[in-house]
Amino acid sequence: MEQTDLKGKAAIVTGSSSGIGASVALALARRGAGVVINYSKSAQEAEDVAAEARKAGAKVAIAQGNVAVDADCRRIAAAASDTFGRIDILVNNAGTTKFAGHRDLDALSAEDFASIYAVNVIGAFQMIRACVEQLRRSDDGAVVNVSSIAGIEGLGSSVAYAASKGALNTMTLSLARALAPEIRVNAVCPGLVATPWFTERFGVEGLERIKDNYKKTAVLQRVADGDEIAKSVVFLATPDSRNITGETLLSDGGLRLSIGGLRA
């Protein structure tokens, strides 16, 4: 099937200096969309992604900002409006976590929950609010929230992370109803994704062990990379999915099908 041309469209991808966000930003750029690359701390990485997007022929803006801060969200939205004069696509990819065993209830504080929710849930809401009027003016305004299988099955790096992604999934449903028919709102829920984020946390050998364990559990016996998840995100962000809203798409290698044998 021929891919939809996104020339003349404009997209914001939060947390797009590396990992899944960078893959999504580059995939949209290669389709012809103008892209806002957002970062919180990784300025050089954002510049590198922007350079790749420009090589693909895309017009690019870079916007620093922490989505947990409403003023930053409005500044990121303004970067798109000022550069492109429109916003057609918003991908809420920025996220954070704290690693804590699910059985260790003392490993998480109220402050941990608040900081994780501030980025993973409130940040996504604030970005949608900052972009909503421009999205409504688009002929196919689309929001894609990058969530996680953790929010469906209660797994992942910590209870707080899983709970935040569960809240993001519920918010996806709520806003899909509230913003229709002008704006579609969907979510992608990856399983394990081999990105630099895991390598930085666990090292190369540690990531390989995690991948091996995941493959033993997921029925497809494989682990996706950021580019593969980006394909699902871009599908939901474009008119190729014009008849879909309020959907939570799992891209987990079939982990959920064998989840009964997994323990948090």
Protein backbone atom coordinates (compact mmCIF):
# COMPACT_ATOMS: atom_id res chain seq x y z
CA MET A 1 0.00 0.00 0.00
CA GLU A 2 1.29 3.44 -0.91
CA GLN A 3 2.27 5.57 2.08
CA THR A 4 0.38 8.79 2.70
CA ASP A 5 2.31 11.91 1.74
CA LEU A 6 2.50 14.33 4.69
CA LYS A 7 3.89 17.33 2.80
CA GLY A 8 2.37 20.52 4.18
CA LYS A 9 1.57 18.86 7.52
CA ALA A 10 3.23 19.73 10.83
CA ALA A 11 3.96 17.43 13.78
CA ILE A 12 5.21 17.76 17.33
CA VAL A 13 6.95 14.77 18.91
CA THR A 14 7.75 15.21 22.59
CA GLY A 15 10.83 13.54 23.99
CA SER A 16 12.23 13.09 20.49
CA SER A 17 15.97 13.51 21.04
CA SER A 18 16.46 9.73 21.26
CA GLY A 19 14.74 6.35 21.35
CA ILE A 20 11.17 5.87 20.12
CA GLY A 21 10.58 9.63 19.90
CA ALA A 22 13.54 10.13 17.58
CA SER A 23 12.39 7.24 15.41
CA VAL A 24 8.89 8.72 15.17
CA ALA A 25 10.17 12.20 14.33
CA LEU A 26 12.39 10.84 11.56
CA ALA A 27 9.63 8.63 10.16
CA LEU A 28 7.29 11.63 9.94
CA ALA A 29 10.04 13.75 8.37
CA ARG A 30 10.65 11.09 5.73
CA ARG A 31 6.94 11.26 4.85
CA GLY A 32 7.34 14.99 4.25
CA ALA A 33 5.97 16.46 7.48
CA GLY A 34 7.53 19.42 9.21
CA VAL A 35 8.60 18.32 12.69
CA VAL A 36 9.21 19.92 16.07
CA ILE A 37 11.94 18.02 17.91
CA ASN A 38 11.46 18.39 21.66
CA TYR A 39 13.99 17.67 24.36
CA SER A 40 14.27 18.35 28.07
CA LYS A 41 18.02 18.04 28.69
CA SER A 42 19.66 16.37 25.68
CA ALA A 43 20.37 19.36 23.42
CA GLN A 44 23.10 17.75 21.30
CA GLU A 45 21.03 14.62 20.70
CA ALA A 46 18.12 16.81 19.60
CA GLU A 47 20.41 18.63 17.16
CA ASP A 48 21.56 15.29 15.76
CA VAL A 49 17.97 14.11 15.18
CA ALA A 50 17.11 17.46 13.60
CA ALA A 51 20.08 17.13 11.23
CA GLU A 52 18.86 13.70 10.11
CA ALA A 53 15.35 15.04 9.56
CA ARG A 54 16.71 17.89 7.46
CA LYS A 55 18.68 15.38 5.36
CA ALA A 56 15.32 13.77 4.60
CA GLY A 57 14.16 17.13 3.25
CA ALA A 58 11.99 18.13 6.20
CA LYS A 59 11.64 21.55 7.75
CA VAL A 60 12.51 21.27 11.44
CA ALA A 61 12.21 23.26 14.65
CA ILE A 62 13.84 22.37 17.97
CA ALA A 63 12.04 23.21 21.21
CA GLN A 64 13.46 22.67 24.67
CA GLY A 65 10.90 22.05 27.36
CA ASN A 66 9.71 19.81 30.17
CA VAL A 67 6.14 18.70 29.46
CA ALA A 68 5.44 18.62 33.20
CA VAL A 69 5.54 22.44 33.04
CA ASP A 70 2.48 23.96 31.36
CA ALA A 71 4.35 27.05 30.18
CA ASP A 72 6.88 24.81 28.43
CA CYS A 73 4.06 22.92 26.71
CA ARG A 74 2.65 26.16 25.38
CA ARG A 75 6.10 27.19 24.18
CA ILE A 76 6.56 23.87 22.35
CA ALA A 77 3.17 24.34 20.68
CA ALA A 78 4.11 27.90 19.74
CA ALA A 79 7.30 26.63 18.09
CA ALA A 80 5.14 24.61 15.69
CA SER A 81 2.70 27.45 15.06
CA ASP A 82 5.47 29.98 14.51
CA THR A 83 7.49 27.72 12.21
CA PHE A 84 4.76 25.94 10.24
CA GLY A 85 1.62 27.96 10.88
CA ARG A 86 -0.27 24.83 11.89
CA ILE A 87 -0.28 21.65 14.01
CA ASP A 88 -1.69 18.47 12.47
CA ILE A 89 -0.07 15.76 14.57
CA LEU A 90 0.90 15.56 18.24
CA VAL A 91 2.83 12.55 19.50
CA ASN A 92 3.07 12.46 23.29
CA ASN A 93 6.20 10.37 23.68
CA ALA A 94 8.02 12.07 26.60
CA GLY A 95 8.08 9.80 29.63
CA THR A 96 9.90 9.02 32.84
CA THR A 97 10.05 6.31 35.47
CA LYS A 98 11.74 5.10 38.62
CA PHE A 99 12.95 1.52 38.81
CA ALA A 100 11.50 -0.22 41.85
CA GLY A 101 10.46 -3.83 42.42
CA HIS A 102 6.68 -4.19 42.51
CA ARG A 103 6.83 -6.09 45.79
CA ASP A 104 8.92 -3.42 47.49
CA LEU A 105 6.22 -0.93 48.49
CA ASP A 106 8.69 1.18 50.43
CA ALA A 107 10.74 1.82 47.28
CA LEU A 108 8.27 4.46 46.05
CA SER A 109 7.28 7.70 47.74
CA ALA A 110 4.38 10.02 47.09
CA GLU A 111 6.88 12.32 45.43
CA ASP A 112 7.92 9.53 43.05
CA PHE A 113 4.30 9.01 41.99
CA ALA A 114 3.78 12.74 41.57
CA SER A 115 6.89 13.25 39.41
CA ILE A 116 6.10 10.27 37.18
CA TYR A 117 2.46 11.32 36.74
CA ALA A 118 3.55 14.90 36.07
CA VAL A 119 5.36 13.81 32.90
CA ASN A 120 3.54 10.66 31.78
CA VAL A 121 -0.06 11.82 32.34
CA ILE A 122 -0.32 15.53 33.13
CA GLY A 123 2.36 16.38 30.57
CA ALA A 124 0.42 14.61 27.82
CA PHE A 125 -2.78 16.40 28.86
CA GLN A 126 -1.06 19.78 28.92
CA MET A 127 0.44 19.22 25.46
CA ILE A 128 -2.98 18.31 24.05
CA ARG A 129 -4.50 21.39 25.64
CA ALA A 130 -1.72 23.60 24.23
CA CYS A 131 -2.25 22.21 20.71
CA VAL A 132 -6.00 21.62 20.64
CA GLU A 133 -7.09 24.73 18.75
CA GLN A 134 -4.51 24.21 16.00
CA LEU A 135 -5.36 20.50 15.81
CA ARG A 136 -9.03 21.36 15.38
CA ARG A 137 -8.17 23.51 12.35
CA SER A 138 -6.42 20.60 10.65
CA ASP A 139 -8.40 18.46 8.23
CA ASP A 140 -7.26 15.40 10.19
CA GLY A 141 -5.95 16.39 13.61
CA ALA A 142 -4.38 13.41 15.35
CA VAL A 143 -2.91 12.73 18.78
CA VAL A 144 -0.93 9.57 19.50
CA ASN A 145 0.04 8.81 23.08
CA VAL A 146 3.03 6.50 23.49
CA SER A 147 1.95 4.34 26.40
CA SER A 148 3.11 0.86 27.45
CA ILE A 149 1.98 -2.72 27.97
CA ALA A 150 2.76 -1.89 31.61
CA GLY A 151 -0.41 0.20 31.73
CA ILE A 152 -2.53 -2.76 30.67
CA GLU A 153 -0.93 -5.62 32.56
CA GLY A 154 0.51 -3.84 35.63
CA LEU A 155 4.10 -4.71 34.79
CA GLY A 156 7.22 -2.72 34.06
CA SER A 157 9.80 -0.66 35.88
CA SER A 158 7.63 0.19 38.88
CA VAL A 159 4.07 0.30 40.20
CA ALA A 160 4.05 4.07 39.71
CA TYR A 161 5.07 3.74 36.06
CA ALA A 162 2.45 1.08 35.35
CA ALA A 163 -0.22 3.16 37.07
CA SER A 164 0.74 6.26 35.08
CA LYS A 165 0.49 4.41 31.78
CA GLY A 166 -2.87 2.97 32.83
CA ALA A 167 -4.04 6.52 33.48
CA LEU A 168 -2.71 7.59 30.06
CA ASN A 169 -4.71 4.82 28.40
CA THR A 170 -7.88 5.93 30.18
CA MET A 171 -7.23 9.55 29.23
CA THR A 172 -6.85 8.43 25.62
CA LEU A 173 -10.41 7.06 25.72
CA SER A 174 -11.79 10.12 27.47
CA LEU A 175 -10.25 12.62 25.08
CA ALA A 176 -11.09 10.53 22.01
CA ARG A 177 -14.74 11.09 22.93
CA ALA A 178 -14.32 14.71 23.99
CA LEU A 179 -12.32 15.90 20.97
CA ALA A 180 -14.19 14.04 18.22
CA PRO A 181 -14.98 14.51 15.42
CA GLU A 182 -12.23 17.04 14.64
CA ILE A 183 -9.38 15.26 16.46
CA ARG A 184 -8.58 11.57 16.71
CA VAL A 185 -6.81 10.33 19.87
CA ASN A 186 -5.12 6.93 20.02
CA ALA A 187 -2.35 5.18 21.95
CA VAL A 188 0.41 2.71 21.17
CA CYS A 189 1.48 0.34 23.94
CA PRO A 190 4.92 -1.14 23.26
CA GLY A 191 6.42 -4.00 25.19
CA LEU A 192 10.18 -4.10 25.60
CA VAL A 193 11.89 -1.85 23.04
CA ALA A 194 15.64 -2.01 22.48
CA THR A 195 16.60 1.68 22.81
CA PRO A 196 19.63 3.52 24.24
CA TRP A 197 17.52 4.25 27.34
CA PHE A 198 17.83 0.61 28.44
CA THR A 199 21.51 0.41 27.50
CA GLU A 200 22.29 3.48 29.62
CA ARG A 201 20.45 1.97 32.56
CA PHE A 202 21.59 -1.67 32.38
CA GLY A 203 24.58 -1.70 30.03
CA VAL A 204 24.91 -3.77 26.86
CA GLU A 205 25.15 -7.12 28.65
CA GLY A 206 22.27 -6.25 30.98
CA LEU A 207 20.05 -5.33 28.05
CA GLU A 208 20.91 -8.58 26.29
CA ARG A 209 19.83 -10.55 29.38
CA ILE A 210 16.56 -8.59 29.54
CA LYS A 211 15.95 -9.22 25.84
CA ASP A 212 16.64 -12.94 26.20
CA ASN A 213 14.17 -13.21 29.09
CA TYR A 214 11.56 -11.27 27.14
CA LYS A 215 11.94 -13.51 24.09
CA LYS A 216 11.39 -16.57 26.27
CA THR A 217 8.03 -15.15 27.39
CA ALA A 218 6.57 -13.27 24.39
CA VAL A 219 4.95 -15.66 21.93
CA LEU A 220 6.67 -14.09 18.89
CA GLN A 221 10.03 -14.52 20.67
CA ARG A 222 11.35 -11.15 19.54
CA VAL A 223 12.04 -7.61 20.75
CA ALA A 224 11.16 -4.52 18.70
CA ASP A 225 13.35 -1.50 18.11
CA GLY A 226 12.29 2.14 18.01
CA ASP A 227 11.84 2.19 14.24
CA GLU A 228 9.31 -0.63 14.41
CA ILE A 229 7.23 1.09 17.09
CA ALA A 230 7.41 4.28 15.03
CA LYS A 231 5.56 2.54 12.20
CA SER A 232 2.57 1.93 14.46
CA VAL A 233 2.66 5.49 15.80
CA VAL A 234 2.86 6.99 12.32
CA PHE A 235 -0.02 4.83 11.11
CA LEU A 236 -2.27 6.22 13.86
CA ALA A 237 -1.01 9.75 13.24
CA THR A 238 -1.87 9.85 9.55
CA PRO A 239 -5.05 9.72 7.44
CA ASP A 240 -4.28 6.02 6.85
CA SER A 241 -6.15 5.48 10.14
CA ARG A 242 -8.85 8.11 9.65
CA ASN A 243 -11.58 5.72 10.85
CA ILE A 244 -9.78 4.88 14.12
CA THR A 245 -10.01 6.74 17.42
CA GLY A 246 -9.92 5.72 21.07
CA GLU A 247 -7.79 2.71 20.17
CA THR A 248 -5.01 1.26 22.32
CA LEU A 249 -2.72 -0.67 20.00
CA LEU A 250 -0.41 -3.23 21.59
CA SER A 251 2.97 -3.79 19.93
CA ASP A 252 4.47 -6.25 22.39
CA GLY A 253 5.52 -9.30 20.41
CA GLY A 254 2.55 -11.14 21.87
CA LEU A 255 3.70 -10.74 25.47
CA ARG A 256 0.12 -10.30 26.66
CA LEU A 257 -0.82 -13.71 25.29
CA SER A 258 1.58 -15.41 27.70
CA ILE A 259 1.31 -12.95 30.58
CA GLY A 260 -0.01 -15.59 33.00
CA GLY A 261 3.50 -16.95 33.35
CA LEU A 262 5.06 -13.59 34.13
CA ARG A 263 5.49 -12.08 37.57
CA ALA A 264 6.10 -8.38 38.30
